[in-house]
């Protein structure tokens, strides 16, 4: 059966990135399924529950933790390729054709790179906006997003504080980081140290300390 692949959590300053591969008959998917970015959280959760409970749907997941994201020997393009390839490796498919959401400005190049990392003989088509056009990629985007959201909820519980969405533009996330650095003089383990937001907050804290001195 065909497949679709997408990732979630590429841009946040906090937490892991996740990718999902969904293998199924597209006609068997819920009719109103859509790109996760266009759906409210409750609708995403409902779709994810339906997909996970359907014996005709196979799901592969991959996580790229903060330690790998901060590795100076790699970059987000390479990590996105790895995440999508690892998600495909987590499902039993061979000789199939599917679509992946391109994580590179050159969609064809991205597809070739994902294909090169997968042992199974697959035909992979990479397109920008595939999560908006192909139901299986939409389904993958939902699974990846719901998995990422659950990860953020676990971080909330671990730090006993709301961390927001984890994105740099989220003031709740920046507030969490500033408070943590103010109290401990270091970034939390869930922070991507290589992100400019993390560097800026550390620099702000250092400057504040100098001014107090």
Protein backbone atom coordinates (compact mmCIF):
# COMPACT_ATOMS: atom_id res chain seq x y z
CA UNK A 1 0.00 0.00 0.00
CA UNK A 2 1.12 3.60 -0.55
CA UNK A 3 2.60 5.76 2.18
CA UNK A 4 2.92 9.34 3.33
CA UNK A 5 5.56 10.93 5.55
CA UNK A 6 5.87 14.23 7.39
CA UNK A 7 7.58 15.69 10.46
CA UNK A 8 6.70 18.05 13.31
CA UNK A 9 8.87 20.09 15.62
CA UNK A 10 11.51 21.28 13.19
CA UNK A 11 11.59 24.89 14.40
CA UNK A 12 11.03 24.86 18.18
CA UNK A 13 13.78 25.87 20.59
CA UNK A 14 12.56 23.23 23.07
CA UNK A 15 12.24 19.48 22.69
CA UNK A 16 12.57 16.82 20.03
CA UNK A 17 11.52 16.67 16.41
CA UNK A 18 9.28 13.77 15.35
CA UNK A 19 8.48 12.19 11.99
CA UNK A 20 5.67 9.81 11.11
CA UNK A 21 5.08 7.45 8.21
CA UNK A 22 1.53 6.27 7.50
CA UNK A 23 0.88 3.29 5.25
CA UNK A 24 -2.73 2.70 4.21
CA UNK A 25 -5.30 2.73 1.44
CA UNK A 26 -5.96 6.47 1.03
CA UNK A 27 -9.63 5.77 0.35
CA UNK A 28 -9.94 4.18 3.81
CA UNK A 29 -8.80 7.31 5.63
CA UNK A 30 -11.32 9.60 7.37
CA UNK A 31 -12.87 11.79 4.68
CA UNK A 32 -12.22 15.12 6.39
CA UNK A 33 -8.56 14.44 7.16
CA UNK A 34 -6.34 17.46 6.47
CA UNK A 35 -2.96 19.00 7.16
CA UNK A 36 -2.42 19.13 10.92
CA UNK A 37 -1.70 22.88 10.80
CA UNK A 38 -5.27 23.54 9.67
CA UNK A 39 -6.93 21.51 12.45
CA UNK A 40 -7.65 22.35 16.10
CA UNK A 41 -5.96 20.17 18.69
CA UNK A 42 -9.14 18.25 19.52
CA UNK A 43 -9.69 17.32 15.87
CA UNK A 44 -6.07 16.20 15.51
CA UNK A 45 -6.42 14.00 18.58
CA UNK A 46 -9.60 12.44 17.20
CA UNK A 47 -8.00 11.65 13.87
CA UNK A 48 -4.87 10.27 15.56
CA UNK A 49 -6.99 7.95 17.71
CA UNK A 50 -8.87 6.74 14.62
CA UNK A 51 -5.67 6.12 12.67
CA UNK A 52 -3.97 4.28 15.53
CA UNK A 53 -7.03 2.12 16.11
CA UNK A 54 -7.41 1.07 12.46
CA UNK A 55 -5.86 -2.34 11.73
CA UNK A 56 -5.55 -1.33 8.08
CA UNK A 57 -3.21 1.54 8.95
CA UNK A 58 0.49 1.03 9.72
CA UNK A 59 2.36 3.82 11.49
CA UNK A 60 6.08 4.35 11.86
CA UNK A 61 7.54 6.96 14.22
CA UNK A 62 10.98 8.47 14.61
CA UNK A 63 12.34 10.92 17.18
CA UNK A 64 15.30 13.26 16.76
CA UNK A 65 16.29 14.37 20.27
CA UNK A 66 17.87 17.65 21.28
CA UNK A 67 21.32 16.07 21.57
CA UNK A 68 21.27 15.20 17.86
CA UNK A 69 19.82 18.56 16.86
CA UNK A 70 22.66 20.33 18.67
CA UNK A 71 25.36 18.11 17.13
CA UNK A 72 27.67 20.47 15.20
CA UNK A 73 28.39 17.70 12.69
CA UNK A 74 24.88 17.84 11.24
CA UNK A 75 22.14 20.31 10.28
CA UNK A 76 18.35 20.44 10.17
CA UNK A 77 18.13 19.43 6.51
CA UNK A 78 20.11 16.27 7.22
CA UNK A 79 18.16 15.59 10.40
CA UNK A 80 14.83 15.99 8.60
CA UNK A 81 15.98 13.47 6.00
CA UNK A 82 17.04 11.11 8.81
CA UNK A 83 13.75 11.54 10.67
CA UNK A 84 11.62 10.75 7.63
CA UNK A 85 13.82 7.82 6.60
CA UNK A 86 13.76 6.39 10.13
CA UNK A 87 9.97 6.65 10.22
CA UNK A 88 9.78 4.71 6.94
CA UNK A 89 12.18 2.11 8.30
CA UNK A 90 9.80 1.58 11.24
CA UNK A 91 7.06 0.15 8.98
CA UNK A 92 7.10 -2.98 6.85
CA UNK A 93 7.00 -1.76 3.26
CA UNK A 94 8.85 -2.72 0.10
CA UNK A 95 8.20 -1.97 -3.54
CA UNK A 96 5.68 0.73 -2.63
CA UNK A 97 5.20 4.30 -3.83
CA UNK A 98 4.43 7.29 -1.67
CA UNK A 99 4.83 10.97 -0.94
CA UNK A 100 6.91 12.84 1.61
CA UNK A 101 6.71 16.50 2.57
CA UNK A 102 9.92 18.05 1.26
CA UNK A 103 12.15 19.55 3.93
CA UNK A 104 14.59 21.13 1.48
CA UNK A 105 14.24 23.96 -1.04
CA UNK A 106 15.02 21.34 -3.70
CA UNK A 107 12.19 18.84 -3.31
CA UNK A 108 13.62 16.27 -5.73
CA UNK A 109 16.96 16.31 -3.93
CA UNK A 110 15.20 15.82 -0.61
CA UNK A 111 13.33 12.80 -1.96
CA UNK A 112 16.53 11.25 -3.28
CA UNK A 113 18.25 11.73 0.07
CA UNK A 114 15.40 10.08 1.97
CA UNK A 115 15.34 7.21 -0.53
CA UNK A 116 19.09 6.68 -0.17
CA UNK A 117 18.73 6.19 3.59
CA UNK A 118 15.95 3.60 3.38
CA UNK A 119 16.92 -0.02 2.83
CA UNK A 120 13.56 -1.03 1.34
CA UNK A 121 13.05 -0.59 -2.41
CA UNK A 122 10.64 2.35 -2.52
CA UNK A 123 9.54 5.01 -4.97
CA UNK A 124 9.51 8.30 -3.09
CA UNK A 125 8.02 11.52 -4.43
CA UNK A 126 8.90 14.63 -2.43
CA UNK A 127 6.83 17.78 -2.77
CA UNK A 128 6.50 21.04 -0.89
CA UNK A 129 3.05 21.25 0.66
CA UNK A 130 2.47 17.51 0.26
CA UNK A 131 0.70 17.58 3.65
CA UNK A 132 -1.97 19.79 2.05
CA UNK A 133 -2.46 17.70 -1.11
CA UNK A 134 -2.12 14.03 -0.19
CA UNK A 135 -4.31 12.45 2.52
CA UNK A 136 -1.60 10.00 3.61
CA UNK A 137 0.86 12.85 4.16
CA UNK A 138 -1.87 14.76 6.01
CA UNK A 139 -2.35 11.69 8.21
CA UNK A 140 1.40 11.53 8.83
CA UNK A 141 1.45 15.23 9.73
CA UNK A 142 -1.31 14.62 12.28
CA UNK A 143 0.46 11.67 13.90
CA UNK A 144 3.75 13.58 14.05
CA UNK A 145 2.09 16.69 15.50
CA UNK A 146 0.08 14.78 18.13
CA UNK A 147 3.23 12.90 19.14
CA UNK A 148 5.14 16.17 19.43
CA UNK A 149 2.31 17.71 21.50
CA UNK A 150 2.39 14.75 23.91
CA UNK A 151 6.15 15.24 24.20
CA UNK A 152 5.61 18.91 25.15
CA UNK A 153 3.04 17.88 27.76
CA UNK A 154 5.61 15.53 29.32
CA UNK A 155 8.10 18.40 29.44
CA UNK A 156 5.48 20.55 31.21
CA UNK A 157 5.17 17.84 33.86
CA UNK A 158 8.93 17.27 34.09
CA UNK A 159 9.68 20.93 34.74
CA UNK A 160 6.46 21.57 36.66
CA UNK A 161 5.97 24.69 34.55
CA UNK A 162 4.18 25.55 31.31
CA UNK A 163 6.74 25.67 28.51
CA UNK A 164 4.28 26.84 25.87
CA UNK A 165 4.55 25.45 22.35
CA UNK A 166 8.34 25.41 22.45
CA UNK A 167 8.59 27.78 19.49
CA UNK A 168 10.83 30.87 19.76
CA UNK A 169 7.91 33.18 18.90
CA UNK A 170 5.89 31.91 21.87
CA UNK A 171 6.28 34.32 24.79
CA UNK A 172 5.39 31.52 27.23
CA UNK A 173 8.36 29.55 25.94
CA UNK A 174 10.69 32.54 26.23
CA UNK A 175 9.34 33.24 29.73
CA UNK A 176 10.04 29.64 30.76
CA UNK A 177 13.58 29.83 29.43
CA UNK A 178 14.32 33.18 31.07
CA UNK A 179 13.02 31.97 34.44
CA UNK A 180 14.96 28.73 34.24
CA UNK A 181 18.21 30.50 33.34
CA UNK A 182 17.62 33.12 36.03
CA UNK A 183 17.22 30.42 38.68
CA UNK A 184 19.92 27.96 37.54
CA UNK A 185 22.33 30.02 35.40
CA UNK A 186 22.02 27.39 32.66
CA UNK A 187 19.63 26.19 30.00
CA UNK A 188 17.25 23.30 30.67
CA UNK A 189 18.20 19.95 29.15
CA UNK A 190 15.23 20.21 26.76
CA UNK A 191 16.56 23.41 25.16
CA UNK A 192 18.29 23.40 21.79
CA UNK A 193 21.50 25.15 22.74
CA UNK A 194 22.45 25.78 19.13
CA UNK A 195 19.28 27.88 18.54
CA UNK A 196 19.75 31.66 18.53
CA UNK A 197 16.93 32.05 21.06
CA UNK A 198 18.89 30.01 23.61
CA UNK A 199 22.04 32.03 22.95
CA UNK A 200 20.15 35.32 23.26
CA UNK A 201 18.60 34.37 26.60
CA UNK A 202 21.94 33.25 28.00
CA UNK A 203 23.48 36.53 26.82
CA UNK A 204 20.64 38.53 28.42
CA UNK A 205 21.19 36.73 31.71
CA UNK A 206 24.93 37.33 31.59
CA UNK A 207 24.43 41.02 30.83
CA UNK A 208 21.91 41.34 33.65
CA UNK A 209 24.40 39.77 36.04
CA UNK A 210 27.11 42.24 35.00
CA UNK A 211 24.77 45.17 35.52
CA UNK A 212 23.87 43.97 39.01
CA UNK A 213 27.53 43.53 39.83
